[in-house]
Amino acid sequence: MCEWVQVSGLVKRGHGVASGQSGDPRFPKGTIEMQKPIFSRFGLSQDDYFMGTIYFSISHKRYEIRQSKCTFKQVKWSSAEPAENFSFFDCRIVTHKNERIDGLVYYPHPETKSEHFQPTDILEIVMPYISSLKYEDELLLEVNSHQLHIV
């Protein structure tokens, strides 16, 4: 059973590595584009999602992991990076028209990352492309309370 919990937050500017906008030559099309075929082989399709992340700040709150939708361990997705662990959690954005857009919280485990660390109040989200979205937009996010706990 899924129980949705709402949390409001702001869209912030991230590192630009996930989408390839950082200009890092190691990831010219972004890390998400490089990881997508690997996650697909593990059974997680990201075909409907934009190849980047929404950097979502839940300012003055934090989250605790309960049970991921899926976790992939020791994923070697780049010759330039060590293998990493990744978890994904169900989420959805609630639009101003009260429509819900399904997505996933994308969680590269910090203990296996070599760089590009996130503050503890940031959730990285993969979603279909939302053309109207811009930095500093306030959003309402719903997360599955059995997967993530907002504190």
C-alpha atoms as a PDB file:
ATOM      1  CA  MET A   1       0.000   0.000   0.000  1.00  0.00           C
ATOM      2  CA  CYS A   2       1.223   3.477  -0.853  1.00  0.00           C
ATOM      3  CA  GLU A   3       0.701   6.431   1.448  1.00  0.00           C
ATOM      4  CA  TRP A   4       1.670   9.788  -0.037  1.00  0.00           C
ATOM      5  CA  VAL A   5       3.116  12.544   2.126  1.00  0.00           C
ATOM      6  CA  GLN A   6       3.404  16.083   0.785  1.00  0.00           C
ATOM      7  CA  VAL A   7       6.356  18.414   1.194  1.00  0.00           C
ATOM      8  CA  SER A   8       6.807  21.834  -0.352  1.00  0.00           C
ATOM      9  CA  GLY A   9      10.129  23.061  -1.631  1.00  0.00           C
ATOM     10  CA  LEU A  10      12.002  25.111  -4.190  1.00  0.00           C
ATOM     11  CA  VAL A  11      13.673  24.203  -7.454  1.00  0.00           C
ATOM     12  CA  LYS A  12      17.368  25.062  -7.097  1.00  0.00           C
ATOM     13  CA  ARG A  13      20.305  25.117  -9.471  1.00  0.00           C
ATOM     14  CA  GLY A  14      22.316  21.914  -9.179  1.00  0.00           C
ATOM     15  CA  HIS A  15      25.785  20.959 -10.391  1.00  0.00           C
ATOM     16  CA  GLY A  16      24.582  20.523 -14.004  1.00  0.00           C
ATOM     17  CA  VAL A  17      26.358  17.172 -14.230  1.00  0.00           C
ATOM     18  CA  ALA A  18      23.234  14.999 -14.460  1.00  0.00           C
ATOM     19  CA  SER A  19      21.968  16.868 -17.543  1.00  0.00           C
ATOM     20  CA  GLY A  20      25.349  17.535 -19.145  1.00  0.00           C
ATOM     21  CA  GLN A  21      24.997  21.310 -18.727  1.00  0.00           C
ATOM     22  CA  SER A  22      28.101  21.562 -16.531  1.00  0.00           C
ATOM     23  CA  GLY A  23      30.437  21.287 -19.521  1.00  0.00           C
ATOM     24  CA  ASP A  24      32.358  18.460 -17.834  1.00  0.00           C
ATOM     25  CA  PRO A  25      34.027  16.577 -20.724  1.00  0.00           C
ATOM     26  CA  ARG A  26      33.753  13.282 -18.798  1.00  0.00           C
ATOM     27  CA  PHE A  27      29.948  13.492 -19.077  1.00  0.00           C
ATOM     28  CA  PRO A  28      29.157  15.406 -22.293  1.00  0.00           C
ATOM     29  CA  LYS A  29      25.509  14.283 -22.436  1.00  0.00           C
ATOM     30  CA  GLY A  30      25.177  14.038 -18.651  1.00  0.00           C
ATOM     31  CA  THR A  31      25.409  11.283 -16.098  1.00  0.00           C
ATOM     32  CA  ILE A  32      21.724  10.348 -16.370  1.00  0.00           C
ATOM     33  CA  GLU A  33      22.087   9.655 -20.107  1.00  0.00           C
ATOM     34  CA  MET A  34      25.122   7.456 -19.386  1.00  0.00           C
ATOM     35  CA  GLN A  35      23.383   5.567 -16.573  1.00  0.00           C
ATOM     36  CA  LYS A  36      20.023   5.101 -18.327  1.00  0.00           C
ATOM     37  CA  PRO A  37      20.898   1.954 -20.353  1.00  0.00           C
ATOM     38  CA  ILE A  38      22.418   0.279 -17.295  1.00  0.00           C
ATOM     39  CA  PHE A  39      19.366   0.933 -15.123  1.00  0.00           C
ATOM     40  CA  SER A  40      17.185  -0.270 -17.991  1.00  0.00           C
ATOM     41  CA  ARG A  41      19.069  -3.597 -18.055  1.00  0.00           C
ATOM     42  CA  PHE A  42      18.305  -3.886 -14.321  1.00  0.00           C
ATOM     43  CA  GLY A  43      14.598  -3.363 -15.056  1.00  0.00           C
ATOM     44  CA  LEU A  44      14.182   0.381 -14.378  1.00  0.00           C
ATOM     45  CA  SER A  45      13.035   2.234 -17.474  1.00  0.00           C
ATOM     46  CA  GLN A  46      13.640   5.983 -17.626  1.00  0.00           C
ATOM     47  CA  ASP A  47      12.346   6.342 -21.187  1.00  0.00           C
ATOM     48  CA  ASP A  48       9.656   8.841 -20.171  1.00  0.00           C
ATOM     49  CA  TYR A  49      12.009  11.042 -18.155  1.00  0.00           C
ATOM     50  CA  PHE A  50      14.091  14.085 -19.000  1.00  0.00           C
ATOM     51  CA  MET A  51      17.802  13.239 -18.967  1.00  0.00           C
ATOM     52  CA  GLY A  52      18.629  15.459 -16.017  1.00  0.00           C
ATOM     53  CA  THR A  53      17.412  15.957 -12.473  1.00  0.00           C
ATOM     54  CA  ILE A  54      15.334  18.523 -10.636  1.00  0.00           C
ATOM     55  CA  TYR A  55      17.325  19.755  -7.674  1.00  0.00           C
ATOM     56  CA  PHE A  56      14.545  20.080  -5.070  1.00  0.00           C
ATOM     57  CA  SER A  57      15.211  21.824  -1.752  1.00  0.00           C
ATOM     58  CA  ILE A  58      13.000  20.891   1.191  1.00  0.00           C
ATOM     59  CA  SER A  59      14.671  23.689   3.171  1.00  0.00           C
ATOM     60  CA  HIS A  60      14.827  23.232   6.946  1.00  0.00           C
ATOM     61  CA  LYS A  61      13.669  19.651   6.581  1.00  0.00           C
ATOM     62  CA  ARG A  62      15.477  16.457   5.829  1.00  0.00           C
ATOM     63  CA  TYR A  63      14.571  12.997   4.673  1.00  0.00           C
ATOM     64  CA  GLU A  64      15.249   9.533   5.996  1.00  0.00           C
ATOM     65  CA  ILE A  65      15.362   6.449   3.812  1.00  0.00           C
ATOM     66  CA  ARG A  66      13.010   3.679   4.802  1.00  0.00           C
ATOM     67  CA  GLN A  67      12.768   1.267   1.859  1.00  0.00           C
ATOM     68  CA  SER A  68      13.718   2.062  -1.710  1.00  0.00           C
ATOM     69  CA  LYS A  69      11.617   1.107  -4.701  1.00  0.00           C
ATOM     70  CA  CYS A  70      14.844  -0.379  -6.071  1.00  0.00           C
ATOM     71  CA  THR A  71      18.565  -0.288  -5.309  1.00  0.00           C
ATOM     72  CA  PHE A  72      21.422  -1.159  -7.636  1.00  0.00           C
ATOM     73  CA  LYS A  73      24.814  -1.823  -6.098  1.00  0.00           C
ATOM     74  CA  GLN A  74      28.303  -1.391  -7.505  1.00  0.00           C
ATOM     75  CA  VAL A  75      27.128   0.119 -10.796  1.00  0.00           C
ATOM     76  CA  LYS A  76      30.113   0.848 -13.033  1.00  0.00           C
ATOM     77  CA  TRP A  77      28.570   3.416 -15.358  1.00  0.00           C
ATOM     78  CA  SER A  78      31.687   5.384 -16.353  1.00  0.00           C
ATOM     79  CA  SER A  79      35.308   4.515 -16.948  1.00  0.00           C
ATOM     80  CA  ALA A  80      36.175   7.838 -15.253  1.00  0.00           C
ATOM     81  CA  GLU A  81      34.295   7.083 -12.021  1.00  0.00           C
ATOM     82  CA  PRO A  82      34.327   4.312  -9.413  1.00  0.00           C
ATOM     83  CA  ALA A  83      31.317   2.020  -9.140  1.00  0.00           C
ATOM     84  CA  GLU A  84      28.402   3.525  -7.219  1.00  0.00           C
ATOM     85  CA  ASN A  85      25.243   2.412  -5.451  1.00  0.00           C
ATOM     86  CA  PHE A  86      21.930   3.965  -6.535  1.00  0.00           C
ATOM     87  CA  SER A  87      18.452   3.883  -5.027  1.00  0.00           C
ATOM     88  CA  PHE A  88      15.167   5.132  -6.434  1.00  0.00           C
ATOM     89  CA  PHE A  89      11.972   6.143  -4.642  1.00  0.00           C
ATOM     90  CA  ASP A  90       8.482   6.870  -5.966  1.00  0.00           C
ATOM     91  CA  CYS A  91       7.442  10.504  -6.014  1.00  0.00           C
ATOM     92  CA  ARG A  92       5.174  12.862  -7.876  1.00  0.00           C
ATOM     93  CA  ILE A  93       4.895  16.582  -8.382  1.00  0.00           C
ATOM     94  CA  VAL A  94       1.525  18.194  -7.772  1.00  0.00           C
ATOM     95  CA  THR A  95       0.950  20.970 -10.297  1.00  0.00           C
ATOM     96  CA  HIS A  96      -0.914  24.229  -9.698  1.00  0.00           C
ATOM     97  CA  LYS A  97      -3.836  22.606 -11.563  1.00  0.00           C
ATOM     98  CA  ASN A  98      -3.745  19.746  -9.008  1.00  0.00           C
ATOM     99  CA  GLU A  99      -2.438  17.281 -11.610  1.00  0.00           C
ATOM    100  CA  ARG A 100       0.135  14.728 -10.520  1.00  0.00           C
ATOM    101  CA  ILE A 101       3.264  13.960 -12.536  1.00  0.00           C
ATOM    102  CA  ASP A 102       4.941  10.696 -11.570  1.00  0.00           C
ATOM    103  CA  GLY A 103       8.678  10.536 -11.157  1.00  0.00           C
ATOM    104  CA  LEU A 104      11.450   9.110  -9.042  1.00  0.00           C
ATOM    105  CA  VAL A 105      13.756  10.412  -6.378  1.00  0.00           C
ATOM    106  CA  TYR A 106      17.231   9.603  -7.720  1.00  0.00           C
ATOM    107  CA  TYR A 107      19.665   8.816  -4.912  1.00  0.00           C
ATOM    108  CA  PRO A 108      23.305   8.096  -5.689  1.00  0.00           C
ATOM    109  CA  HIS A 109      24.568   6.824  -2.331  1.00  0.00           C
ATOM    110  CA  PRO A 110      26.983   9.448  -0.958  1.00  0.00           C
ATOM    111  CA  GLU A 111      29.268   6.822   0.574  1.00  0.00           C
ATOM    112  CA  THR A 112      30.048   5.526  -2.936  1.00  0.00           C
ATOM    113  CA  LYS A 113      30.302   8.906  -4.719  1.00  0.00           C
ATOM    114  CA  SER A 114      33.606  10.572  -5.460  1.00  0.00           C
ATOM    115  CA  GLU A 115      32.260  14.124  -5.994  1.00  0.00           C
ATOM    116  CA  HIS A 116      29.140  16.287  -6.557  1.00  0.00           C
ATOM    117  CA  PHE A 117      27.664  15.870  -3.094  1.00  0.00           C
ATOM    118  CA  GLN A 118      24.205  17.211  -2.188  1.00  0.00           C
ATOM    119  CA  PRO A 119      23.164  19.021   0.999  1.00  0.00           C
ATOM    120  CA  THR A 120      20.898  16.948   3.271  1.00  0.00           C
ATOM    121  CA  ASP A 121      17.827  19.037   2.377  1.00  0.00           C
ATOM    122  CA  ILE A 122      18.106  18.311  -1.377  1.00  0.00           C
ATOM    123  CA  LEU A 123      16.217  15.603  -3.228  1.00  0.00           C
ATOM    124  CA  GLU A 124      17.206  14.913  -6.833  1.00  0.00           C
ATOM    125  CA  ILE A 125      14.181  14.034  -8.928  1.00  0.00           C
ATOM    126  CA  VAL A 126      13.838  12.525 -12.394  1.00  0.00           C
ATOM    127  CA  MET A 127      10.598  13.378 -14.182  1.00  0.00           C
ATOM    128  CA  PRO A 128       9.179  13.877 -17.629  1.00  0.00           C
ATOM    129  CA  TYR A 129      10.268  17.243 -19.049  1.00  0.00           C
ATOM    130  CA  ILE A 130       8.268  20.140 -17.577  1.00  0.00           C
ATOM    131  CA  SER A 131       8.698  23.121 -19.912  1.00  0.00           C
ATOM    132  CA  SER A 132       7.353  25.714 -17.470  1.00  0.00           C
ATOM    133  CA  LEU A 133       9.714  24.765 -14.631  1.00  0.00           C
ATOM    134  CA  LYS A 134      12.356  27.303 -13.600  1.00  0.00           C
ATOM    135  CA  TYR A 135      14.766  27.911 -10.738  1.00  0.00           C
ATOM    136  CA  GLU A 136      13.183  29.156  -7.506  1.00  0.00           C
ATOM    137  CA  ASP A 137       9.747  27.773  -8.455  1.00  0.00           C
ATOM    138  CA  GLU A 138       7.889  26.488  -5.440  1.00  0.00           C
ATOM    139  CA  LEU A 139       6.651  22.932  -5.896  1.00  0.00           C
ATOM    140  CA  LEU A 140       4.601  20.470  -3.939  1.00  0.00           C
ATOM    141  CA  LEU A 141       6.161  17.015  -3.952  1.00  0.00           C
ATOM    142  CA  GLU A 142       4.540  13.814  -2.789  1.00  0.00           C
ATOM    143  CA  VAL A 143       6.689  10.917  -1.621  1.00  0.00           C
ATOM    144  CA  ASN A 144       5.713   7.395  -0.644  1.00  0.00           C
ATOM    145  CA  SER A 145       5.925   7.412   3.167  1.00  0.00           C
ATOM    146  CA  HIS A 146       6.860   3.723   3.183  1.00  0.00           C
ATOM    147  CA  GLN A 147       9.956   4.594   1.118  1.00  0.00           C
ATOM    148  CA  LEU A 148      10.999   8.032   2.426  1.00  0.00           C
ATOM    149  CA  HIS A 149      10.241   9.802   5.682  1.00  0.00           C
ATOM    150  CA  ILE A 150      10.274  13.609   5.730  1.00  0.00           C
ATOM    151  CA  VAL A 151      11.466  15.012   9.062  1.00  0.00           C
END
